[in-house]
Amino acid sequence: MTGGPGEGWKIFADGDDCENIPLWKALAQFTSDDLDEGLKVNAAVINQAKPPFARYYNGAFLVSMIFGFLFAIFLIGLLISVPSNSANLFSFLTLTTLAATAAPHIWRQVYQYGLKTPDAPLDLPHAPDRHFEEFLGFLQKASGPRAYYIPRFGKRRVLLNRRQFFGRLRYFLLSEHSADRAMVMRFRTGHSLPGDIFLHRDDVGKVLAMGRRDRRKMGRVGNSCLSRTSTGACGS
């Protein structure tokens, strides 16, 4: 790797793919010392968190593509038509299909992030999970590790905006399945992010170390609290 996070990690050498750890694998390691067990636990959480309309959520793009195609046809018809009743019809159909093309993207954006890009994580539409919340907490902090994706063409690490992890469907960014990740908005234009999202190997090591340290600290506080219950000193 020839660049650092501050330089955008523009280019990395062949053989450096082992430095790119998918978020779903990092979360599984964070959840459990056994990778398979961690994956099972995380998959169960994501399955429980899926909204009832999940099967239709990605279908919004198909609807948008169909109406976009119709919009192009009606626009051509409008441009070549002469002023008449048919021109008025083409104008109406053009505006209608344009609205229908944009509607699915607007709906996805509003459901995921609200009417504007949030400055803090939004309330989840489901019960939170301790491991997901703790792991996401590192990604949401300005001082935390930067997640990134690698475009299909060209070897360039593109850093994600931290607000990606503020949306209502943020848990699905951590899924090992591309269909789940595709549910999460990437930009205001409504593009999805079906490919893997990565953390650098060094950042994964730091996150795992911080998570274990925090859990040990909580364990010590809990043990200390238990030892004082007989005296009434804890929580008084």
Protein backbone atom coordinates (compact mmCIF):
# COMPACT_ATOMS: atom_id res chain seq x y z
CA MET A 1 0.00 0.00 0.00
CA THR A 2 1.45 3.31 -1.04
CA GLY A 3 -1.02 5.76 0.46
CA GLY A 4 -2.50 6.54 3.84
CA PRO A 5 -6.07 7.37 4.94
CA GLY A 6 -5.31 11.07 4.79
CA GLU A 7 -4.31 10.71 1.14
CA GLY A 8 -7.46 8.81 0.23
CA TRP A 9 -5.60 5.51 -0.17
CA LYS A 10 -5.51 6.12 -3.90
CA ILE A 11 -3.42 3.16 -5.06
CA PHE A 12 -2.42 -0.13 -3.51
CA ALA A 13 -0.12 -2.81 -4.85
CA ASP A 14 -1.04 -6.28 -6.05
CA GLY A 15 -1.14 -8.74 -3.18
CA ASP A 16 -2.51 -6.16 -0.75
CA ASP A 17 -6.03 -7.59 -0.92
CA CYS A 18 -5.36 -9.36 2.38
CA GLU A 19 -5.29 -5.91 3.97
CA ASN A 20 -8.94 -5.32 3.00
CA ILE A 21 -11.15 -6.95 5.62
CA PRO A 22 -14.90 -6.97 4.82
CA LEU A 23 -17.04 -5.33 7.49
CA TRP A 24 -19.11 -8.50 7.93
CA LYS A 25 -16.01 -10.53 8.73
CA ALA A 26 -14.65 -7.87 11.09
CA LEU A 27 -18.00 -7.78 12.90
CA ALA A 28 -18.04 -11.59 13.21
CA GLN A 29 -14.58 -11.46 14.79
CA PHE A 30 -15.79 -8.68 17.07
CA THR A 31 -18.86 -10.70 18.07
CA SER A 32 -17.13 -14.00 18.81
CA ASP A 33 -13.67 -15.53 18.92
CA ASP A 34 -15.06 -18.23 16.62
CA LEU A 35 -15.69 -16.81 13.14
CA ASP A 36 -18.48 -19.23 12.21
CA GLU A 37 -20.28 -18.59 15.48
CA GLY A 38 -19.96 -14.85 14.99
CA LEU A 39 -21.40 -15.08 11.49
CA LYS A 40 -24.38 -17.10 12.75
CA VAL A 41 -25.12 -14.60 15.51
CA ASN A 42 -24.87 -11.62 13.15
CA ALA A 43 -27.04 -13.29 10.49
CA ALA A 44 -29.74 -13.93 13.10
CA VAL A 45 -29.72 -10.26 14.12
CA ILE A 46 -29.99 -9.04 10.51
CA ASN A 47 -32.82 -11.47 9.72
CA GLN A 48 -34.77 -10.21 12.72
CA ALA A 49 -34.13 -6.59 11.73
CA LYS A 50 -35.41 -6.89 8.15
CA PRO A 51 -38.41 -4.64 7.51
CA PRO A 52 -41.56 -6.36 6.22
CA PHE A 53 -41.18 -4.69 2.80
CA ALA A 54 -37.55 -5.83 2.34
CA ARG A 55 -38.42 -8.01 -0.64
CA TYR A 56 -39.85 -4.96 -2.43
CA TYR A 57 -37.21 -2.46 -1.33
CA ASN A 58 -34.64 -3.29 -4.01
CA GLY A 59 -37.47 -3.78 -6.49
CA ALA A 60 -37.87 -0.01 -6.38
CA PHE A 61 -34.88 0.23 -8.70
CA LEU A 62 -36.53 -2.06 -11.25
CA VAL A 63 -39.64 0.12 -11.18
CA SER A 64 -37.48 3.21 -11.63
CA MET A 65 -35.63 1.67 -14.59
CA ILE A 66 -38.89 0.73 -16.34
CA PHE A 67 -40.37 4.20 -15.92
CA GLY A 68 -37.04 5.76 -16.89
CA PHE A 69 -37.14 3.83 -20.16
CA LEU A 70 -40.71 4.97 -20.78
CA PHE A 71 -39.70 8.54 -19.91
CA ALA A 72 -37.02 8.46 -22.62
CA ILE A 73 -39.53 7.21 -25.20
CA PHE A 74 -42.15 9.81 -24.32
CA LEU A 75 -39.54 12.57 -24.28
CA ILE A 76 -38.47 11.65 -27.82
CA GLY A 77 -42.11 11.63 -28.85
CA LEU A 78 -42.61 15.06 -27.30
CA LEU A 79 -39.59 16.50 -29.11
CA ILE A 80 -40.64 15.27 -32.54
CA SER A 81 -44.38 16.00 -32.21
CA VAL A 82 -45.97 19.16 -33.53
CA PRO A 83 -48.26 21.29 -31.33
CA SER A 84 -51.45 19.29 -31.05
CA ASN A 85 -53.46 17.14 -28.68
CA SER A 86 -50.86 14.37 -29.10
CA ALA A 87 -48.11 16.79 -28.01
CA ASN A 88 -50.12 17.61 -24.88
CA LEU A 89 -50.49 13.87 -24.21
CA PHE A 90 -46.75 13.32 -24.62
CA SER A 91 -46.09 16.24 -22.23
CA PHE A 92 -48.36 14.70 -19.61
CA LEU A 93 -46.85 11.21 -20.02
CA THR A 94 -43.31 12.61 -19.94
CA LEU A 95 -43.87 14.42 -16.65
CA THR A 96 -45.71 11.43 -15.17
CA THR A 97 -42.98 8.93 -16.01
CA LEU A 98 -40.30 11.35 -14.80
CA ALA A 99 -42.06 11.57 -11.42
CA ALA A 100 -42.45 7.78 -11.34
CA THR A 101 -38.73 7.36 -12.11
CA ALA A 102 -37.70 9.60 -9.22
CA ALA A 103 -40.28 8.41 -6.68
CA PRO A 104 -38.60 5.08 -5.70
CA HIS A 105 -35.26 6.81 -5.08
CA ILE A 106 -36.91 9.52 -2.99
CA TRP A 107 -38.83 6.91 -1.01
CA ARG A 108 -35.66 4.90 -0.28
CA GLN A 109 -33.77 8.05 0.71
CA VAL A 110 -36.50 9.31 3.05
CA TYR A 111 -36.97 5.95 4.74
CA GLN A 112 -33.24 5.44 5.23
CA TYR A 113 -32.09 8.94 6.20
CA GLY A 114 -35.18 11.10 6.62
CA LEU A 115 -35.76 14.38 4.82
CA LYS A 116 -32.13 15.46 5.25
CA THR A 117 -28.81 13.75 5.87
CA PRO A 118 -28.67 13.22 9.65
CA ASP A 119 -25.92 14.51 11.92
CA ALA A 120 -26.41 11.64 14.40
CA PRO A 121 -27.58 8.03 14.15
CA LEU A 122 -31.34 7.81 13.66
CA ASP A 123 -33.58 5.67 15.83
CA LEU A 124 -33.71 2.07 14.65
CA PRO A 125 -37.05 0.57 13.59
CA HIS A 126 -36.13 -2.60 15.50
CA ALA A 127 -34.51 -3.64 18.77
CA PRO A 128 -30.79 -2.74 18.87
CA ASP A 129 -28.05 -5.32 19.25
CA ARG A 130 -25.14 -4.71 21.62
CA HIS A 131 -22.39 -5.97 19.29
CA PHE A 132 -23.74 -4.15 16.24
CA GLU A 133 -24.13 -0.91 18.17
CA GLU A 134 -20.67 -1.13 19.70
CA PHE A 135 -19.03 -1.92 16.35
CA LEU A 136 -20.98 0.80 14.54
CA GLY A 137 -20.04 3.23 17.30
CA PHE A 138 -16.41 3.02 16.21
CA LEU A 139 -17.36 3.68 12.57
CA GLN A 140 -19.57 6.64 13.49
CA LYS A 141 -16.90 8.53 15.42
CA ALA A 142 -14.85 11.19 13.66
CA SER A 143 -11.74 9.71 15.27
CA GLY A 144 -12.68 6.13 14.39
CA PRO A 145 -11.52 3.93 11.49
CA ARG A 146 -12.64 4.80 7.97
CA ALA A 147 -14.62 2.23 6.03
CA TYR A 148 -14.19 2.15 2.26
CA TYR A 149 -15.19 0.28 -0.87
CA ILE A 150 -13.22 -0.62 -3.99
CA PRO A 151 -14.81 0.22 -7.35
CA ARG A 152 -15.27 -2.59 -9.83
CA PHE A 153 -12.86 -0.98 -12.27
CA GLY A 154 -9.57 0.34 -10.96
CA LYS A 155 -7.75 -0.22 -7.70
CA ARG A 156 -8.79 2.73 -5.61
CA ARG A 157 -10.04 2.77 -2.04
CA VAL A 158 -12.98 5.16 -1.84
CA LEU A 159 -13.71 6.28 1.71
CA LEU A 160 -17.31 6.27 2.90
CA ASN A 161 -18.90 9.23 4.61
CA ARG A 162 -19.51 8.40 8.27
CA ARG A 163 -23.14 9.41 7.85
CA GLN A 164 -23.56 6.18 5.88
CA PHE A 165 -23.72 4.55 9.30
CA PHE A 166 -26.42 6.89 10.65
CA GLY A 167 -29.36 5.54 8.64
CA ARG A 168 -32.25 3.37 9.84
CA LEU A 169 -31.00 0.42 7.78
CA ARG A 170 -27.37 0.73 8.88
CA TYR A 171 -27.24 -2.83 10.21
CA PHE A 172 -27.45 -4.13 6.65
CA LEU A 173 -24.11 -2.53 5.78
CA LEU A 174 -22.62 -5.25 7.98
CA SER A 175 -24.32 -8.17 6.22
CA GLU A 176 -22.24 -10.74 4.35
CA HIS A 177 -24.91 -10.89 1.62
CA SER A 178 -24.86 -8.34 -1.18
CA ALA A 179 -28.68 -8.33 -1.41
CA ASP A 180 -28.85 -7.01 2.15
CA ARG A 181 -26.16 -4.40 1.57
CA ALA A 182 -27.96 -3.25 -1.58
CA MET A 183 -30.86 -2.12 0.64
CA VAL A 184 -28.72 0.65 2.11
CA MET A 185 -28.49 3.93 0.26
CA ARG A 186 -25.08 5.19 -0.79
CA PHE A 187 -25.74 8.64 -2.17
CA ARG A 188 -28.71 10.96 -2.41
CA THR A 189 -29.08 9.85 -6.03
CA GLY A 190 -30.32 6.51 -4.75
CA HIS A 191 -27.41 4.36 -5.91
CA SER A 192 -27.05 1.17 -3.93
CA LEU A 193 -23.85 -0.31 -2.57
CA PRO A 194 -24.05 -4.06 -3.20
CA GLY A 195 -20.28 -4.65 -3.15
CA ASP A 196 -18.23 -5.37 -0.04
CA ILE A 197 -17.31 -2.58 2.35
CA PHE A 198 -13.90 -2.89 3.95
CA LEU A 199 -11.77 -1.84 6.87
CA HIS A 200 -8.02 -1.90 6.70
CA ARG A 201 -6.49 -4.83 8.56
CA ASP A 202 -4.72 -2.51 11.01
CA ASP A 203 -8.01 -0.74 11.80
CA VAL A 204 -9.73 -4.07 12.40
CA GLY A 205 -7.01 -4.97 14.91
CA LYS A 206 -7.54 -1.66 16.71
CA VAL A 207 -11.32 -2.09 16.81
CA LEU A 208 -11.03 -5.63 18.18
CA ALA A 209 -8.55 -4.47 20.79
CA MET A 210 -10.75 -1.55 21.86
CA GLY A 211 -13.82 -3.77 22.04
CA ARG A 212 -12.10 -6.36 24.22
CA ARG A 213 -10.66 -3.61 26.44
CA ASP A 214 -14.09 -2.03 26.92
CA ARG A 215 -15.65 -5.40 27.74
CA ARG A 216 -12.91 -6.17 30.26
CA LYS A 217 -13.45 -2.75 31.82
CA MET A 218 -17.20 -3.35 32.07
CA GLY A 219 -16.52 -6.78 33.53
CA ARG A 220 -14.28 -5.32 36.22
CA VAL A 221 -16.90 -2.71 37.10
CA GLY A 222 -19.58 -5.39 37.27
CA ASN A 223 -17.47 -7.63 39.48
CA SER A 224 -16.63 -4.70 41.73
CA CYS A 225 -20.29 -3.80 41.90
CA LEU A 226 -21.23 -7.36 42.87
CA SER A 227 -18.59 -7.44 45.58
CA ARG A 228 -20.07 -4.33 47.18
CA THR A 229 -23.70 -5.35 47.16
CA SER A 230 -23.45 -6.83 50.62
CA THR A 231 -22.36 -3.43 51.97
CA GLY A 232 -24.90 -1.44 49.94
CA ALA A 233 -22.13 0.71 48.43
CA CYS A 234 -22.87 -0.13 44.80
CA GLY A 235 -25.48 1.98 43.00
CA SER A 236 -26.36 3.88 46.15
